Amino acid sequence: PDVYISEVCKACPNLQWLSFENSGSHILNNKNLEVLLVECSNLKRLTIRGSRRISPKVFLKIPGLAPSLEMIEIRGCLQIKNNIISDFQNLYPKIKLIIESDEE
């Protein structure tokens, strides 16, 4: 499945919003996300909902992989805890972060 998403990103170089909602563990994982963000150089908004496979380390790398990014919406991602959210906000204060976690 990741091949198709990668092809979309290559075919749509001006893609500005990418959304993964309840995409399961096979479609969106750390490796796929890193590759996609590099390919979507004009991405301004990223939505990830219900992902179990995005690690805190990769989450913190997102702005470096997608320098045009202005907003991230993240909901129900089990590995992204409040301390990681705080770290992200301290590192990247200019990126708008919309959060909803299962901890709240």
PDB file of N, CA and C in Angstrom:
ATOM      1  N   PRO A   1       0.807  -1.222   0.000  1.00  0.00           N
ATOM      2  CA  PRO A   1       0.000   0.000   0.000  1.00  0.00           C
ATOM      3  C   PRO A   1       0.841   1.273   0.000  1.00  0.00           C
ATOM      4  N   ASP A   2       2.022   1.253   0.641  1.00  0.00           N
ATOM      5  CA  ASP A   2       2.833   2.460   0.706  1.00  0.00           C
ATOM      6  C   ASP A   2       3.323   2.906  -0.660  1.00  0.00           C
ATOM      7  N   VAL A   3       3.453   1.961  -1.605  1.00  0.00           N
ATOM      8  CA  VAL A   3       3.903   2.301  -2.952  1.00  0.00           C
ATOM      9  C   VAL A   3       2.908   3.244  -3.608  1.00  0.00           C
ATOM     10  N   TYR A   4       1.619   2.989  -3.434  1.00  0.00           N
ATOM     11  CA  TYR A   4       0.600   3.829  -4.053  1.00  0.00           C
ATOM     12  C   TYR A   4       0.612   5.237  -3.473  1.00  0.00           C
ATOM     13  N   ILE A   5       0.759   5.361  -2.184  1.00  0.00           N
ATOM     14  CA  ILE A   5       0.807   6.683  -1.555  1.00  0.00           C
ATOM     15  C   ILE A   5       2.040   7.432  -2.042  1.00  0.00           C
ATOM     16  N   SER A   6       3.144   6.751  -2.136  1.00  0.00           N
ATOM     17  CA  SER A   6       4.374   7.358  -2.626  1.00  0.00           C
ATOM     18  C   SER A   6       4.194   7.857  -4.056  1.00  0.00           C
ATOM     19  N   GLU A   7       3.520   7.075  -4.880  1.00  0.00           N
ATOM     20  CA  GLU A   7       3.263   7.473  -6.267  1.00  0.00           C
ATOM     21  C   GLU A   7       2.392   8.717  -6.333  1.00  0.00           C
ATOM     22  N   VAL A   8       1.408   8.814  -5.451  1.00  0.00           N
ATOM     23  CA  VAL A   8       0.556  10.007  -5.403  1.00  0.00           C
ATOM     24  C   VAL A   8       1.406  11.228  -5.073  1.00  0.00           C
ATOM     25  N   CYS A   9       2.273  11.102  -4.096  1.00  0.00           N
ATOM     26  CA  CYS A   9       3.133  12.224  -3.715  1.00  0.00           C
ATOM     27  C   CYS A   9       4.049  12.641  -4.864  1.00  0.00           C
ATOM     28  N   LYS A  10       4.579  11.675  -5.583  1.00  0.00           N
ATOM     29  CA  LYS A  10       5.442  11.994  -6.721  1.00  0.00           C
ATOM     30  C   LYS A  10       4.650  12.657  -7.839  1.00  0.00           C
ATOM     31  N   ALA A  11       3.422  12.186  -8.065  1.00  0.00           N
ATOM     32  CA  ALA A  11       2.586  12.720  -9.144  1.00  0.00           C
ATOM     33  C   ALA A  11       1.989  14.081  -8.804  1.00  0.00           C
ATOM     34  N   CYS A  12       1.937  14.407  -7.533  1.00  0.00           N
ATOM     35  CA  CYS A  12       1.329  15.672  -7.079  1.00  0.00           C
ATOM     36  C   CYS A  12       2.346  16.476  -6.273  1.00  0.00           C
ATOM     37  N   PRO A  13       3.337  17.046  -6.933  1.00  0.00           N
ATOM     38  CA  PRO A  13       4.395  17.735  -6.199  1.00  0.00           C
ATOM     39  C   PRO A  13       3.916  18.967  -5.425  1.00  0.00           C
ATOM     40  N   ASN A  14       2.755  19.499  -5.781  1.00  0.00           N
ATOM     41  CA  ASN A  14       2.234  20.677  -5.079  1.00  0.00           C
ATOM     42  C   ASN A  14       1.227  20.320  -4.001  1.00  0.00           C
ATOM     43  N   LEU A  15       1.157  19.057  -3.648  1.00  0.00           N
ATOM     44  CA  LEU A  15       0.247  18.608  -2.595  1.00  0.00           C
ATOM     45  C   LEU A  15       0.520  19.397  -1.315  1.00  0.00           C
ATOM     46  N   GLN A  16      -0.549  19.957  -0.731  1.00  0.00           N
ATOM     47  CA  GLN A  16      -0.368  20.791   0.453  1.00  0.00           C
ATOM     48  C   GLN A  16      -0.949  20.189   1.719  1.00  0.00           C
ATOM     49  N   TRP A  17      -1.827  19.199   1.590  1.00  0.00           N
ATOM     50  CA  TRP A  17      -2.443  18.604   2.778  1.00  0.00           C
ATOM     51  C   TRP A  17      -2.491  17.098   2.589  1.00  0.00           C
ATOM     52  N   LEU A  18      -1.947  16.392   3.550  1.00  0.00           N
ATOM     53  CA  LEU A  18      -1.927  14.938   3.537  1.00  0.00           C
ATOM     54  C   LEU A  18      -2.565  14.454   4.829  1.00  0.00           C
ATOM     55  N   SER A  19      -3.549  13.557   4.697  1.00  0.00           N
ATOM     56  CA  SER A  19      -4.293  13.099   5.870  1.00  0.00           C
ATOM     57  C   SER A  19      -4.330  11.579   5.912  1.00  0.00           C
ATOM     58  N   PHE A  20      -3.951  11.041   7.055  1.00  0.00           N
ATOM     59  CA  PHE A  20      -4.042   9.607   7.310  1.00  0.00           C
ATOM     60  C   PHE A  20      -4.983   9.421   8.484  1.00  0.00           C
ATOM     61  N   GLU A  21      -6.132   8.804   8.230  1.00  0.00           N
ATOM     62  CA  GLU A  21      -7.116   8.610   9.293  1.00  0.00           C
ATOM     63  C   GLU A  21      -7.403   7.123   9.457  1.00  0.00           C
ATOM     64  N   ASN A  22      -7.082   6.613  10.633  1.00  0.00           N
ATOM     65  CA  ASN A  22      -7.296   5.195  10.944  1.00  0.00           C
ATOM     66  C   ASN A  22      -6.748   4.298   9.842  1.00  0.00           C
ATOM     67  N   SER A  23      -5.530   4.595   9.440  1.00  0.00           N
ATOM     68  CA  SER A  23      -4.932   3.883   8.316  1.00  0.00           C
ATOM     69  C   SER A  23      -4.247   2.585   8.715  1.00  0.00           C
ATOM     70  N   GLY A  24      -4.331   2.228   9.970  1.00  0.00           N
ATOM     71  CA  GLY A  24      -3.786   0.949  10.400  1.00  0.00           C
ATOM     72  C   GLY A  24      -2.277   0.949  10.461  1.00  0.00           C
ATOM     73  N   SER A  25      -1.747  -0.182  10.776  1.00  0.00           N
ATOM     74  CA  SER A  25      -0.308  -0.273  11.002  1.00  0.00           C
ATOM     75  C   SER A  25       0.483  -0.573   9.739  1.00  0.00           C
ATOM     76  N   HIS A  26      -0.177  -0.994   8.675  1.00  0.00           N
ATOM     77  CA  HIS A  26       0.568  -1.378   7.478  1.00  0.00           C
ATOM     78  C   HIS A  26       0.766  -0.221   6.509  1.00  0.00           C
ATOM     79  N   ILE A  27      -0.179   0.699   6.453  1.00  0.00           N
ATOM     80  CA  ILE A  27      -0.073   1.801   5.501  1.00  0.00           C
ATOM     81  C   ILE A  27       0.866   2.884   6.004  1.00  0.00           C
ATOM     82  N   LEU A  28       0.695   3.271   7.249  1.00  0.00           N
ATOM     83  CA  LEU A  28       1.508   4.364   7.776  1.00  0.00           C
ATOM     84  C   LEU A  28       2.390   3.860   8.906  1.00  0.00           C
ATOM     85  N   ASN A  29       3.686   3.905   8.655  1.00  0.00           N
ATOM     86  CA  ASN A  29       4.657   3.567   9.692  1.00  0.00           C
ATOM     87  C   ASN A  29       5.795   4.581   9.615  1.00  0.00           C
ATOM     88  N   ASN A  30       6.770   4.446  10.464  1.00  0.00           N
ATOM     89  CA  ASN A  30       7.863   5.424  10.519  1.00  0.00           C
ATOM     90  C   ASN A  30       8.559   5.606   9.175  1.00  0.00           C
ATOM     91  N   LYS A  31       8.940   4.511   8.557  1.00  0.00           N
ATOM     92  CA  LYS A  31       9.691   4.579   7.295  1.00  0.00           C
ATOM     93  C   LYS A  31       8.860   5.239   6.202  1.00  0.00           C
ATOM     94  N   ASN A  32       7.601   4.797   6.049  1.00  0.00           N
ATOM     95  CA  ASN A  32       6.740   5.363   5.014  1.00  0.00           C
ATOM     96  C   ASN A  32       6.534   6.855   5.221  1.00  0.00           C
ATOM     97  N   LEU A  33       6.302   7.256   6.465  1.00  0.00           N
ATOM     98  CA  LEU A  33       6.066   8.667   6.749  1.00  0.00           C
ATOM     99  C   LEU A  33       7.292   9.509   6.387  1.00  0.00           C
ATOM    100  N   GLU A  34       8.460   9.046   6.750  1.00  0.00           N
ATOM    101  CA  GLU A  34       9.675   9.801   6.434  1.00  0.00           C
ATOM    102  C   GLU A  34       9.845   9.976   4.930  1.00  0.00           C
ATOM    103  N   VAL A  35       9.641   8.914   4.171  1.00  0.00           N
ATOM    104  CA  VAL A  35       9.776   8.981   2.713  1.00  0.00           C
ATOM    105  C   VAL A  35       8.732   9.919   2.117  1.00  0.00           C
ATOM    106  N   LEU A  36       7.498   9.803   2.567  1.00  0.00           N
ATOM    107  CA  LEU A  36       6.424  10.640   2.033  1.00  0.00           C
ATOM    108  C   LEU A  36       6.669  12.118   2.291  1.00  0.00           C
ATOM    109  N   LEU A  37       7.121  12.448   3.478  1.00  0.00           N
ATOM    110  CA  LEU A  37       7.342  13.852   3.804  1.00  0.00           C
ATOM    111  C   LEU A  37       8.447  14.465   2.950  1.00  0.00           C
ATOM    112  N   VAL A  38       9.467  13.703   2.663  1.00  0.00           N
ATOM    113  CA  VAL A  38      10.539  14.194   1.802  1.00  0.00           C
ATOM    114  C   VAL A  38      10.008  14.424   0.385  1.00  0.00           C
ATOM    115  N   GLU A  39       9.141  13.536  -0.094  1.00  0.00           N
ATOM    116  CA  GLU A  39       8.600  13.651  -1.450  1.00  0.00           C
ATOM    117  C   GLU A  39       7.579  14.774  -1.582  1.00  0.00           C
ATOM    118  N   CYS A  40       6.920  15.137  -0.502  1.00  0.00           N
ATOM    119  CA  CYS A  40       5.888  16.188  -0.532  1.00  0.00           C
ATOM    120  C   CYS A  40       6.498  17.498  -0.047  1.00  0.00           C
ATOM    121  N   SER A  41       7.328  18.088  -0.874  1.00  0.00           N
ATOM    122  CA  SER A  41       8.112  19.247  -0.441  1.00  0.00           C
ATOM    123  C   SER A  41       7.283  20.507  -0.195  1.00  0.00           C
ATOM    124  N   ASN A  42       6.060  20.571  -0.715  1.00  0.00           N
ATOM    125  CA  ASN A  42       5.213  21.750  -0.513  1.00  0.00           C
ATOM    126  C   ASN A  42       4.125  21.529   0.527  1.00  0.00           C
ATOM    127  N   LEU A  43       4.227  20.446   1.269  1.00  0.00           N
ATOM    128  CA  LEU A  43       3.202  20.101   2.250  1.00  0.00           C
ATOM    129  C   LEU A  43       3.105  21.164   3.343  1.00  0.00           C
ATOM    130  N   LYS A  44       1.882  21.632   3.567  1.00  0.00           N
ATOM    131  CA  LYS A  44       1.651  22.649   4.595  1.00  0.00           C
ATOM    132  C   LYS A  44       0.903  22.088   5.800  1.00  0.00           C
ATOM    133  N   ARG A  45       0.128  21.026   5.578  1.00  0.00           N
ATOM    134  CA  ARG A  45      -0.675  20.466   6.673  1.00  0.00           C
ATOM    135  C   ARG A  45      -0.610  18.941   6.633  1.00  0.00           C
ATOM    136  N   LEU A  46      -0.450  18.348   7.801  1.00  0.00           N
ATOM    137  CA  LEU A  46      -0.395  16.895   7.944  1.00  0.00           C
ATOM    138  C   LEU A  46      -1.354  16.484   9.051  1.00  0.00           C
ATOM    139  N   THR A  47      -2.218  15.520   8.740  1.00  0.00           N
ATOM    140  CA  THR A  47      -3.150  14.978   9.726  1.00  0.00           C
ATOM    141  C   THR A  47      -2.856  13.495   9.894  1.00  0.00           C
ATOM    142  N   ILE A  48      -2.678  13.072  11.133  1.00  0.00           N
ATOM    143  CA  ILE A  48      -2.481  11.652  11.442  1.00  0.00           C
ATOM    144  C   ILE A  48      -3.438  11.308  12.569  1.00  0.00           C
ATOM    145  N   ARG A  49      -4.348  10.380  12.294  1.00  0.00           N
ATOM    146  CA  ARG A  49      -5.321   9.956  13.307  1.00  0.00           C
ATOM    147  C   ARG A  49      -5.300   8.438  13.441  1.00  0.00           C
ATOM    148  N   GLY A  50      -5.223   7.988  14.664  1.00  0.00           N
ATOM    149  CA  GLY A  50      -5.355   6.567  14.947  1.00  0.00           C
ATOM    150  C   GLY A  50      -4.184   5.712  14.511  1.00  0.00           C
ATOM    151  N   SER A  51      -2.990   6.251  14.526  1.00  0.00           N
ATOM    152  CA  SER A  51      -1.818   5.473  14.129  1.00  0.00           C
ATOM    153  C   SER A  51      -1.113   4.909  15.359  1.00  0.00           C
ATOM    154  N   ARG A  52      -0.798   3.630  15.288  1.00  0.00           N
ATOM    155  CA  ARG A  52      -0.088   2.968  16.382  1.00  0.00           C
ATOM    156  C   ARG A  52       1.406   2.860  16.104  1.00  0.00           C
ATOM    157  N   ARG A  53       1.824   3.197  14.890  1.00  0.00           N
ATOM    158  CA  ARG A  53       3.191   2.898  14.482  1.00  0.00           C
ATOM    159  C   ARG A  53       4.104   4.100  14.310  1.00  0.00           C
ATOM    160  N   ILE A  54       3.650   5.286  14.645  1.00  0.00           N
ATOM    161  CA  ILE A  54       4.522   6.456  14.529  1.00  0.00           C
ATOM    162  C   ILE A  54       5.236   6.657  15.861  1.00  0.00           C
ATOM    163  N   SER A  55       6.554   6.590  15.822  1.00  0.00           N
ATOM    164  CA  SER A  55       7.345   6.687  17.055  1.00  0.00           C
ATOM    165  C   SER A  55       7.560   8.148  17.445  1.00  0.00           C
ATOM    166  N   PRO A  56       7.838   8.394  18.718  1.00  0.00           N
ATOM    167  CA  PRO A  56       8.163   9.749  19.156  1.00  0.00           C
ATOM    168  C   PRO A  56       9.359  10.339  18.395  1.00  0.00           C
ATOM    169  N   LYS A  57      10.362   9.522  18.134  1.00  0.00           N
ATOM    170  CA  LYS A  57      11.556   9.989  17.428  1.00  0.00           C
ATOM    171  C   LYS A  57      11.206  10.523  16.041  1.00  0.00           C
ATOM    172  N   VAL A  58      10.395   9.785  15.301  1.00  0.00           N
ATOM    173  CA  VAL A  58      10.008  10.221  13.956  1.00  0.00           C
ATOM    174  C   VAL A  58       9.070  11.420  14.031  1.00  0.00           C
ATOM    175  N   PHE A  59       8.168  11.426  15.002  1.00  0.00           N
ATOM    176  CA  PHE A  59       7.273  12.570  15.168  1.00  0.00           C
ATOM    177  C   PHE A  59       8.075  13.865  15.338  1.00  0.00           C
ATOM    178  N   LEU A  60       9.126  13.809  16.124  1.00  0.00           N
ATOM    179  CA  LEU A  60       9.956  14.991  16.349  1.00  0.00           C
ATOM    180  C   LEU A  60      10.791  15.377  15.127  1.00  0.00           C
ATOM    181  N   LYS A  61      10.958  14.456  14.178  1.00  0.00           N
ATOM    182  CA  LYS A  61      11.718  14.740  12.956  1.00  0.00           C
ATOM    183  C   LYS A  61      10.857  15.351  11.856  1.00  0.00           C
ATOM    184  N   ILE A  62       9.540  15.321  12.001  1.00  0.00           N
ATOM    185  CA  ILE A  62       8.640  15.732  10.922  1.00  0.00           C
ATOM    186  C   ILE A  62       8.978  17.115  10.351  1.00  0.00           C
ATOM    187  N   PRO A  63       9.132  18.160  11.149  1.00  0.00           N
ATOM    188  CA  PRO A  63       9.413  19.479  10.565  1.00  0.00           C
ATOM    189  C   PRO A  63      10.708  19.545   9.754  1.00  0.00           C
ATOM    190  N   GLY A  64      11.693  18.772  10.131  1.00  0.00           N
ATOM    191  CA  GLY A  64      12.933  18.738   9.364  1.00  0.00           C
ATOM    192  C   GLY A  64      12.770  18.056   8.020  1.00  0.00           C
ATOM    193  N   LEU A  65      11.828  17.132   7.938  1.00  0.00           N
ATOM    194  CA  LEU A  65      11.573  16.409   6.696  1.00  0.00           C
ATOM    195  C   LEU A  65      10.632  17.183   5.774  1.00  0.00           C
ATOM    196  N   ALA A  66       9.802  18.038   6.357  1.00  0.00           N
ATOM    197  CA  ALA A  66       8.817  18.809   5.590  1.00  0.00           C
ATOM    198  C   ALA A  66       8.930  20.282   5.990  1.00  0.00           C
ATOM    199  N   PRO A  67       9.909  20.996   5.443  1.00  0.00           N
ATOM    200  CA  PRO A  67      10.176  22.362   5.885  1.00  0.00           C
ATOM    201  C   PRO A  67       9.049  23.362   5.619  1.00  0.00           C
ATOM    202  N   SER A  68       8.134  23.071   4.705  1.00  0.00           N
ATOM    203  CA  SER A  68       7.015  23.983   4.415  1.00  0.00           C
ATOM    204  C   SER A  68       5.846  23.794   5.373  1.00  0.00           C
ATOM    205  N   LEU A  69       5.930  22.792   6.220  1.00  0.00           N
ATOM    206  CA  LEU A  69       4.817  22.439   7.100  1.00  0.00           C
ATOM    207  C   LEU A  69       4.456  23.576   8.050  1.00  0.00           C
ATOM    208  N   GLU A  70       3.153  23.855   8.126  1.00  0.00           N
ATOM    209  CA  GLU A  70       2.646  24.907   9.009  1.00  0.00           C
ATOM    210  C   GLU A  70       1.767  24.351  10.124  1.00  0.00           C
ATOM    211  N   MET A  71       1.147  23.181   9.882  1.00  0.00           N
ATOM    212  CA  MET A  71       0.200  22.638  10.856  1.00  0.00           C
ATOM    213  C   MET A  71       0.247  21.113  10.871  1.00  0.00           C
ATOM    214  N   ILE A  72       0.190  20.563  12.077  1.00  0.00           N
ATOM    215  CA  ILE A  72       0.076  19.116  12.259  1.00  0.00           C
ATOM    216  C   ILE A  72      -1.114  18.865  13.168  1.00  0.00           C
ATOM    217  N   GLU A  73      -1.971  17.969  12.729  1.00  0.00           N
ATOM    218  CA  GLU A  73      -3.087  17.519  13.564  1.00  0.00           C
ATOM    219  C   GLU A  73      -2.827  16.058  13.883  1.00  0.00           C
ATOM    220  N   ILE A  74      -2.778  15.745  15.152  1.00  0.00           N
ATOM    221  CA  ILE A  74      -2.493  14.374  15.557  1.00  0.00           C
ATOM    222  C   ILE A  74      -3.501  13.950  16.617  1.00  0.00           C
ATOM    223  N   ARG A  75      -4.169  12.824  16.360  1.00  0.00           N
ATOM    224  CA  ARG A  75      -5.218  12.348  17.262  1.00  0.00           C
ATOM    225  C   ARG A  75      -5.123  10.830  17.421  1.00  0.00           C
ATOM    226  N   GLY A  76      -5.174  10.404  18.657  1.00  0.00           N
ATOM    227  CA  GLY A  76      -5.227   8.974  18.932  1.00  0.00           C
ATOM    228  C   GLY A  76      -4.004   8.197  18.498  1.00  0.00           C
ATOM    229  N   CYS A  77      -2.851   8.810  18.522  1.00  0.00           N
ATOM    230  CA  CYS A  77      -1.609   8.116  18.179  1.00  0.00           C
ATOM    231  C   CYS A  77      -0.962   7.644  19.478  1.00  0.00           C
ATOM    232  N   LEU A  78      -1.011   6.361  19.692  1.00  0.00           N
ATOM    233  CA  LEU A  78      -0.694   5.779  20.989  1.00  0.00           C
ATOM    234  C   LEU A  78       0.702   6.087  21.517  1.00  0.00           C
ATOM    235  N   GLN A  79       1.684   6.196  20.633  1.00  0.00           N
ATOM    236  CA  GLN A  79       3.063   6.408  21.093  1.00  0.00           C
ATOM    237  C   GLN A  79       3.408   7.875  21.357  1.00  0.00           C
ATOM    238  N   ILE A  80       2.549   8.782  20.930  1.00  0.00           N
ATOM    239  CA  ILE A  80       2.840  10.211  21.085  1.00  0.00           C
ATOM    240  C   ILE A  80       2.191  10.704  22.374  1.00  0.00           C
ATOM    241  N   LYS A  81       2.979  10.756  23.417  1.00  0.00           N
ATOM    242  CA  LYS A  81       2.502  11.128  24.755  1.00  0.00           C
ATOM    243  C   LYS A  81       2.695  12.625  24.999  1.00  0.00           C
ATOM    244  N   ASN A  82       2.157  13.102  26.105  1.00  0.00           N
ATOM    245  CA  ASN A  82       2.206  14.533  26.425  1.00  0.00           C
ATOM    246  C   ASN A  82       3.623  15.092  26.500  1.00  0.00           C
ATOM    247  N   ASN A  83       4.576  14.316  27.016  1.00  0.00           N
ATOM    248  CA  ASN A  83       5.952  14.822  27.100  1.00  0.00           C
ATOM    249  C   ASN A  83       6.552  15.045  25.713  1.00  0.00           C
ATOM    250  N   ILE A  84       6.189  14.207  24.755  1.00  0.00           N
ATOM    251  CA  ILE A  84       6.673  14.368  23.379  1.00  0.00           C
ATOM    252  C   ILE A  84       6.031  15.601  22.749  1.00  0.00           C
ATOM    253  N   ILE A  85       4.750  15.811  23.030  1.00  0.00           N
ATOM    254  CA  ILE A  85       4.049  16.997  22.535  1.00  0.00           C
ATOM    255  C   ILE A  85       4.739  18.263  23.059  1.00  0.00           C
ATOM    256  N   SER A  86       5.074  18.274  24.336  1.00  0.00           N
ATOM    257  CA  SER A  86       5.767  19.430  24.926  1.00  0.00           C
ATOM    258  C   SER A  86       7.120  19.664  24.272  1.00  0.00           C
ATOM    259  N   ASP A  87       7.862  18.586  24.056  1.00  0.00           N
ATOM    260  CA  ASP A  87       9.161  18.702  23.382  1.00  0.00           C
ATOM    261  C   ASP A  87       8.988  19.300  21.991  1.00  0.00           C
ATOM    262  N   PHE A  88       7.986  18.802  21.259  1.00  0.00           N
ATOM    263  CA  PHE A  88       7.724  19.283  19.904  1.00  0.00           C
ATOM    264  C   PHE A  88       7.431  20.782  19.920  1.00  0.00           C
ATOM    265  N   GLN A  89       6.549  21.196  20.817  1.00  0.00           N
ATOM    266  CA  GLN A  89       6.162  22.608  20.886  1.00  0.00           C
ATOM    267  C   GLN A  89       7.344  23.500  21.259  1.00  0.00           C
ATOM    268  N   ASN A  90       8.235  23.009  22.089  1.00  0.00           N
ATOM    269  CA  ASN A  90       9.435  23.771  22.443  1.00  0.00           C
ATOM    270  C   ASN A  90      10.414  23.866  21.276  1.00  0.00           C
ATOM    271  N   LEU A  91      10.538  22.784  20.518  1.00  0.00           N
ATOM    272  CA  LEU A  91      11.461  22.755  19.389  1.00  0.00           C
ATOM    273  C   LEU A  91      10.941  23.526  18.178  1.00  0.00           C
ATOM    274  N   TYR A  92       9.620  23.473  17.964  1.00  0.00           N
ATOM    275  CA  TYR A  92       9.023  24.044  16.752  1.00  0.00           C
ATOM    276  C   TYR A  92       7.832  24.940  17.094  1.00  0.00           C
ATOM    277  N   PRO A  93       8.063  26.061  17.750  1.00  0.00           N
ATOM    278  CA  PRO A  93       6.949  26.908  18.193  1.00  0.00           C
ATOM    279  C   PRO A  93       6.132  27.526  17.059  1.00  0.00           C
ATOM    280  N   LYS A  94       6.687  27.595  15.852  1.00  0.00           N
ATOM    281  CA  LYS A  94       5.966  28.211  14.735  1.00  0.00           C
ATOM    282  C   LYS A  94       4.977  27.263  14.062  1.00  0.00           C
ATOM    283  N   ILE A  95       5.073  25.980  14.350  1.00  0.00           N
ATOM    284  CA  ILE A  95       4.151  25.018  13.742  1.00  0.00           C
ATOM    285  C   ILE A  95       2.934  24.867  14.634  1.00  0.00           C
ATOM    286  N   LYS A  96       1.763  25.075  14.037  1.00  0.00           N
ATOM    287  CA  LYS A  96       0.516  24.918  14.791  1.00  0.00           C
ATOM    288  C   LYS A  96       0.273  23.428  15.006  1.00  0.00           C
ATOM    289  N   LEU A  97       0.026  23.065  16.247  1.00  0.00           N
ATOM    290  CA  LEU A  97      -0.169  21.668  16.610  1.00  0.00           C
ATOM    291  C   LEU A  97      -1.565  21.494  17.186  1.00  0.00           C
ATOM    292  N   ILE A  98      -2.359  20.640  16.551  1.00  0.00           N
ATOM    293  CA  ILE A  98      -3.700  20.321  17.036  1.00  0.00           C
ATOM    294  C   ILE A  98      -3.633  18.905  17.583  1.00  0.00           C
ATOM    295  N   ILE A  99      -3.951  18.757  18.860  1.00  0.00           N
ATOM    296  CA  ILE A  99      -3.760  17.482  19.555  1.00  0.00           C
ATOM    297  C   ILE A  99      -5.059  17.001  20.175  1.00  0.00           C
ATOM    298  N   GLU A 100      -5.277  15.715  20.057  1.00  0.00           N
ATOM    299  CA  GLU A 100      -6.309  15.041  20.846  1.00  0.00           C
ATOM    300  C   GLU A 100      -5.757  13.661  21.143  1.00  0.00           C
ATOM    301  N   SER A 101      -5.557  13.375  22.408  1.00  0.00           N
ATOM    302  CA  SER A 101      -4.988  12.077  22.757  1.00  0.00           C
ATOM    303  C   SER A 101      -5.965  11.284  23.606  1.00  0.00           C
ATOM    304  N   ASP A 102      -5.682  10.016  23.749  1.00  0.00           N
ATOM    305  CA  ASP A 102      -6.506   9.146  24.583  1.00  0.00           C
ATOM    306  C   ASP A 102      -6.226   9.378  26.058  1.00  0.00           C
ATOM    307  N   GLU A 103      -5.143  10.106  26.370  1.00  0.00           N
ATOM    308  CA  GLU A 103      -4.779  10.373  27.762  1.00  0.00           C
ATOM    309  C   GLU A 103      -5.696  11.406  28.400  1.00  0.00           C
ATOM    310  N   GLU A 104      -6.284  12.268  27.562  1.00  0.00           N
ATOM    311  CA  GLU A 104      -7.085  13.378  28.097  1.00  0.00           C
ATOM    312  C   GLU A 104      -8.447  12.916  28.528  1.00  0.00           C
TER     313      GLU A 104
END
